[in-house]
Amino acid sequence: MAFDEYLVDRMKTLFSQKGIRYEAKRMMGGICFMVDDKMCCGTHFDKKRSMNLIMARIGEDAYEEALKKNGCQPMDFTGRPMRGFVFITPEGFDSEEELEYWVQLCIDFNPIAKRSKKRKSQ
């Protein structure tokens, strides 16, 4: 199954409403929203659970509090959770208010987020 286009459209609408310039890239089985050349948030299809998730880069300061929210869980691709990143299940972003909360949390963290190192082409 491909990523959830309706969820992507909802997220694009929020970025546009907030006047945030972004680039949407296909990445990690979904769409990644890049802001200032840094991963901000995105969508991901979890094949094991057959569900669409939001990947949120929120930073370590917001991490513990975020995990207390409905539908939020550690982002774990490899068996080792990535601190500062979370997955949100559909129950945590069903309403527009919930989705806006997560997107805004990512936008707020973006200015202090570090850029990934550019890979050298061979």
C-alpha atoms as a PDB file:
ATOM      1  CA  MET A   1       0.000   0.000   0.000  1.00  0.00           C
ATOM      2  CA  ALA A   2       1.176   3.487  -0.814  1.00  0.00           C
ATOM      3  CA  PHE A   3       1.201   6.420   1.577  1.00  0.00           C
ATOM      4  CA  ASP A   4      -2.057   8.138   2.540  1.00  0.00           C
ATOM      5  CA  GLU A   5      -2.541  10.939   0.011  1.00  0.00           C
ATOM      6  CA  TYR A   6      -5.385  12.452   2.048  1.00  0.00           C
ATOM      7  CA  LEU A   7      -3.084  12.768   5.090  1.00  0.00           C
ATOM      8  CA  VAL A   8      -0.370  14.307   2.911  1.00  0.00           C
ATOM      9  CA  ASP A   9      -2.897  16.843   1.562  1.00  0.00           C
ATOM     10  CA  ARG A  10      -3.999  17.700   5.114  1.00  0.00           C
ATOM     11  CA  MET A  11      -0.381  18.309   6.105  1.00  0.00           C
ATOM     12  CA  LYS A  12       0.338  20.383   2.985  1.00  0.00           C
ATOM     13  CA  THR A  13      -2.696  22.523   3.782  1.00  0.00           C
ATOM     14  CA  LEU A  14      -1.404  23.200   7.298  1.00  0.00           C
ATOM     15  CA  PHE A  15       2.034  24.215   6.047  1.00  0.00           C
ATOM     16  CA  SER A  16       0.427  26.518   3.468  1.00  0.00           C
ATOM     17  CA  GLN A  17      -1.973  28.071   5.988  1.00  0.00           C
ATOM     18  CA  LYS A  18       0.959  28.818   8.284  1.00  0.00           C
ATOM     19  CA  GLY A  19       2.987  30.325   5.438  1.00  0.00           C
ATOM     20  CA  ILE A  20       5.760  27.749   5.868  1.00  0.00           C
ATOM     21  CA  ARG A  21       7.853  27.016   2.777  1.00  0.00           C
ATOM     22  CA  TYR A  22       8.491  23.297   2.478  1.00  0.00           C
ATOM     23  CA  GLU A  23       9.587  20.637   0.060  1.00  0.00           C
ATOM     24  CA  ALA A  24       7.771  17.285  -0.005  1.00  0.00           C
ATOM     25  CA  LYS A  25      10.038  14.325  -0.821  1.00  0.00           C
ATOM     26  CA  ARG A  26       9.325  10.617  -1.145  1.00  0.00           C
ATOM     27  CA  MET A  27      11.252   8.971   1.642  1.00  0.00           C
ATOM     28  CA  MET A  28      10.998   5.990   4.028  1.00  0.00           C
ATOM     29  CA  GLY A  29       7.813   4.595   2.551  1.00  0.00           C
ATOM     30  CA  GLY A  30       5.993   7.896   2.628  1.00  0.00           C
ATOM     31  CA  ILE A  31       6.396  11.624   2.174  1.00  0.00           C
ATOM     32  CA  CYS A  32       8.861  13.689   4.145  1.00  0.00           C
ATOM     33  CA  PHE A  33       8.304  17.422   4.593  1.00  0.00           C
ATOM     34  CA  MET A  34      11.569  19.320   4.493  1.00  0.00           C
ATOM     35  CA  VAL A  35      11.708  22.833   5.971  1.00  0.00           C
ATOM     36  CA  ASP A  36      14.936  24.826   5.553  1.00  0.00           C
ATOM     37  CA  ASP A  37      16.564  21.689   4.082  1.00  0.00           C
ATOM     38  CA  LYS A  38      15.874  19.746   7.301  1.00  0.00           C
ATOM     39  CA  MET A  39      13.444  16.902   7.911  1.00  0.00           C
ATOM     40  CA  CYS A  40      10.470  18.384   9.750  1.00  0.00           C
ATOM     41  CA  CYS A  41       7.798  15.664   9.689  1.00  0.00           C
ATOM     42  CA  GLY A  42       6.239  13.196   7.311  1.00  0.00           C
ATOM     43  CA  THR A  43       4.072  10.186   6.679  1.00  0.00           C
ATOM     44  CA  HIS A  44       5.046   6.542   6.854  1.00  0.00           C
ATOM     45  CA  PHE A  45       3.150   3.345   6.052  1.00  0.00           C
ATOM     46  CA  ASP A  46       3.887   0.676   8.665  1.00  0.00           C
ATOM     47  CA  LYS A  47       3.625  -2.642   6.809  1.00  0.00           C
ATOM     48  CA  LYS A  48       3.626  -4.751   9.979  1.00  0.00           C
ATOM     49  CA  ARG A  49       0.562  -2.989  11.359  1.00  0.00           C
ATOM     50  CA  SER A  50      -0.958  -1.991   8.002  1.00  0.00           C
ATOM     51  CA  MET A  51      -1.421   1.603   9.075  1.00  0.00           C
ATOM     52  CA  ASN A  52      -0.336   5.078   8.117  1.00  0.00           C
ATOM     53  CA  LEU A  53       1.674   6.956  10.713  1.00  0.00           C
ATOM     54  CA  ILE A  54       3.029  10.447  11.090  1.00  0.00           C
ATOM     55  CA  MET A  55       6.772  10.728  11.673  1.00  0.00           C
ATOM     56  CA  ALA A  56       7.410  13.762  13.828  1.00  0.00           C
ATOM     57  CA  ARG A  57      10.789  15.335  14.540  1.00  0.00           C
ATOM     58  CA  ILE A  58      10.077  17.124  17.789  1.00  0.00           C
ATOM     59  CA  GLY A  59      13.450  17.170  19.574  1.00  0.00           C
ATOM     60  CA  GLU A  60      14.546  15.643  22.841  1.00  0.00           C
ATOM     61  CA  ASP A  61      13.098  18.415  25.031  1.00  0.00           C
ATOM     62  CA  ALA A  62       9.521  17.671  23.894  1.00  0.00           C
ATOM     63  CA  TYR A  63       9.998  13.890  23.593  1.00  0.00           C
ATOM     64  CA  GLU A  64       8.934  12.611  27.043  1.00  0.00           C
ATOM     65  CA  GLU A  65       5.858  14.839  27.243  1.00  0.00           C
ATOM     66  CA  ALA A  66       4.798  13.898  23.708  1.00  0.00           C
ATOM     67  CA  LEU A  67       4.870  10.188  24.553  1.00  0.00           C
ATOM     68  CA  LYS A  68       2.043  10.819  27.050  1.00  0.00           C
ATOM     69  CA  LYS A  69      -0.271  11.966  24.224  1.00  0.00           C
ATOM     70  CA  ASN A  70      -2.852   9.714  22.616  1.00  0.00           C
ATOM     71  CA  GLY A  71      -1.431   7.731  19.697  1.00  0.00           C
ATOM     72  CA  CYS A  72       2.194   8.801  20.232  1.00  0.00           C
ATOM     73  CA  GLN A  73       4.994   6.229  20.432  1.00  0.00           C
ATOM     74  CA  PRO A  74       8.753   6.146  20.011  1.00  0.00           C
ATOM     75  CA  MET A  75       9.971   6.103  16.425  1.00  0.00           C
ATOM     76  CA  ASP A  76      11.599   2.723  16.048  1.00  0.00           C
ATOM     77  CA  PHE A  77      12.761   1.346  12.702  1.00  0.00           C
ATOM     78  CA  THR A  78      15.554  -0.877  13.904  1.00  0.00           C
ATOM     79  CA  GLY A  79      14.656  -2.023  17.418  1.00  0.00           C
ATOM     80  CA  ARG A  80      16.343   1.043  18.877  1.00  0.00           C
ATOM     81  CA  PRO A  81      14.080   4.113  19.346  1.00  0.00           C
ATOM     82  CA  MET A  82      15.309   7.407  17.937  1.00  0.00           C
ATOM     83  CA  ARG A  83      15.120  10.057  20.661  1.00  0.00           C
ATOM     84  CA  GLY A  84      13.566  13.264  19.501  1.00  0.00           C
ATOM     85  CA  PHE A  85      11.485  11.480  16.862  1.00  0.00           C
ATOM     86  CA  VAL A  86       8.042   9.927  17.366  1.00  0.00           C
ATOM     87  CA  PHE A  87       5.394   8.079  15.404  1.00  0.00           C
ATOM     88  CA  ILE A  88       1.768   9.118  15.775  1.00  0.00           C
ATOM     89  CA  THR A  89      -0.938   6.571  15.000  1.00  0.00           C
ATOM     90  CA  PRO A  90      -4.220   7.639  13.362  1.00  0.00           C
ATOM     91  CA  GLU A  91      -5.989   7.905  16.722  1.00  0.00           C
ATOM     92  CA  GLY A  92      -3.578  10.754  17.529  1.00  0.00           C
ATOM     93  CA  PHE A  93      -4.198  12.831  14.385  1.00  0.00           C
ATOM     94  CA  ASP A  94      -7.833  12.160  13.442  1.00  0.00           C
ATOM     95  CA  SER A  95      -8.999  15.699  14.143  1.00  0.00           C
ATOM     96  CA  GLU A  96      -7.589  18.781  12.475  1.00  0.00           C
ATOM     97  CA  GLU A  97      -6.661  20.160  15.913  1.00  0.00           C
ATOM     98  CA  GLU A  98      -4.611  17.051  16.723  1.00  0.00           C
ATOM     99  CA  LEU A  99      -2.856  17.098  13.360  1.00  0.00           C
ATOM    100  CA  GLU A 100      -2.110  20.803  13.715  1.00  0.00           C
ATOM    101  CA  TYR A 101      -0.652  20.186  17.198  1.00  0.00           C
ATOM    102  CA  TRP A 102       1.881  17.676  15.837  1.00  0.00           C
ATOM    103  CA  VAL A 103       2.795  19.685  12.762  1.00  0.00           C
ATOM    104  CA  GLN A 104       3.261  22.825  14.874  1.00  0.00           C
ATOM    105  CA  LEU A 105       5.461  20.932  17.355  1.00  0.00           C
ATOM    106  CA  CYS A 106       7.688  19.893  14.423  1.00  0.00           C
ATOM    107  CA  ILE A 107       7.743  23.423  12.987  1.00  0.00           C
ATOM    108  CA  ASP A 108       8.685  24.829  16.410  1.00  0.00           C
ATOM    109  CA  PHE A 109      11.637  22.433  16.683  1.00  0.00           C
ATOM    110  CA  ASN A 110      12.857  22.940  13.108  1.00  0.00           C
ATOM    111  CA  PRO A 111      14.929  26.120  13.669  1.00  0.00           C
ATOM    112  CA  ILE A 112      17.175  24.327  16.198  1.00  0.00           C
ATOM    113  CA  ALA A 113      17.257  20.966  14.393  1.00  0.00           C
ATOM    114  CA  LYS A 114      20.558  19.981  12.841  1.00  0.00           C
ATOM    115  CA  ARG A 115      20.849  19.417   9.120  1.00  0.00           C
ATOM    116  CA  SER A 116      21.822  15.997   7.864  1.00  0.00           C
ATOM    117  CA  LYS A 117      25.274  15.768   6.398  1.00  0.00           C
ATOM    118  CA  LYS A 118      25.215  15.836   2.612  1.00  0.00           C
ATOM    119  CA  ARG A 119      26.423  12.612   1.040  1.00  0.00           C
ATOM    120  CA  LYS A 120      29.172  12.936  -1.500  1.00  0.00           C
ATOM    121  CA  SER A 121      28.267  11.597  -4.906  1.00  0.00           C
ATOM    122  CA  GLN A 122      30.645   8.971  -6.272  1.00  0.00           C
END
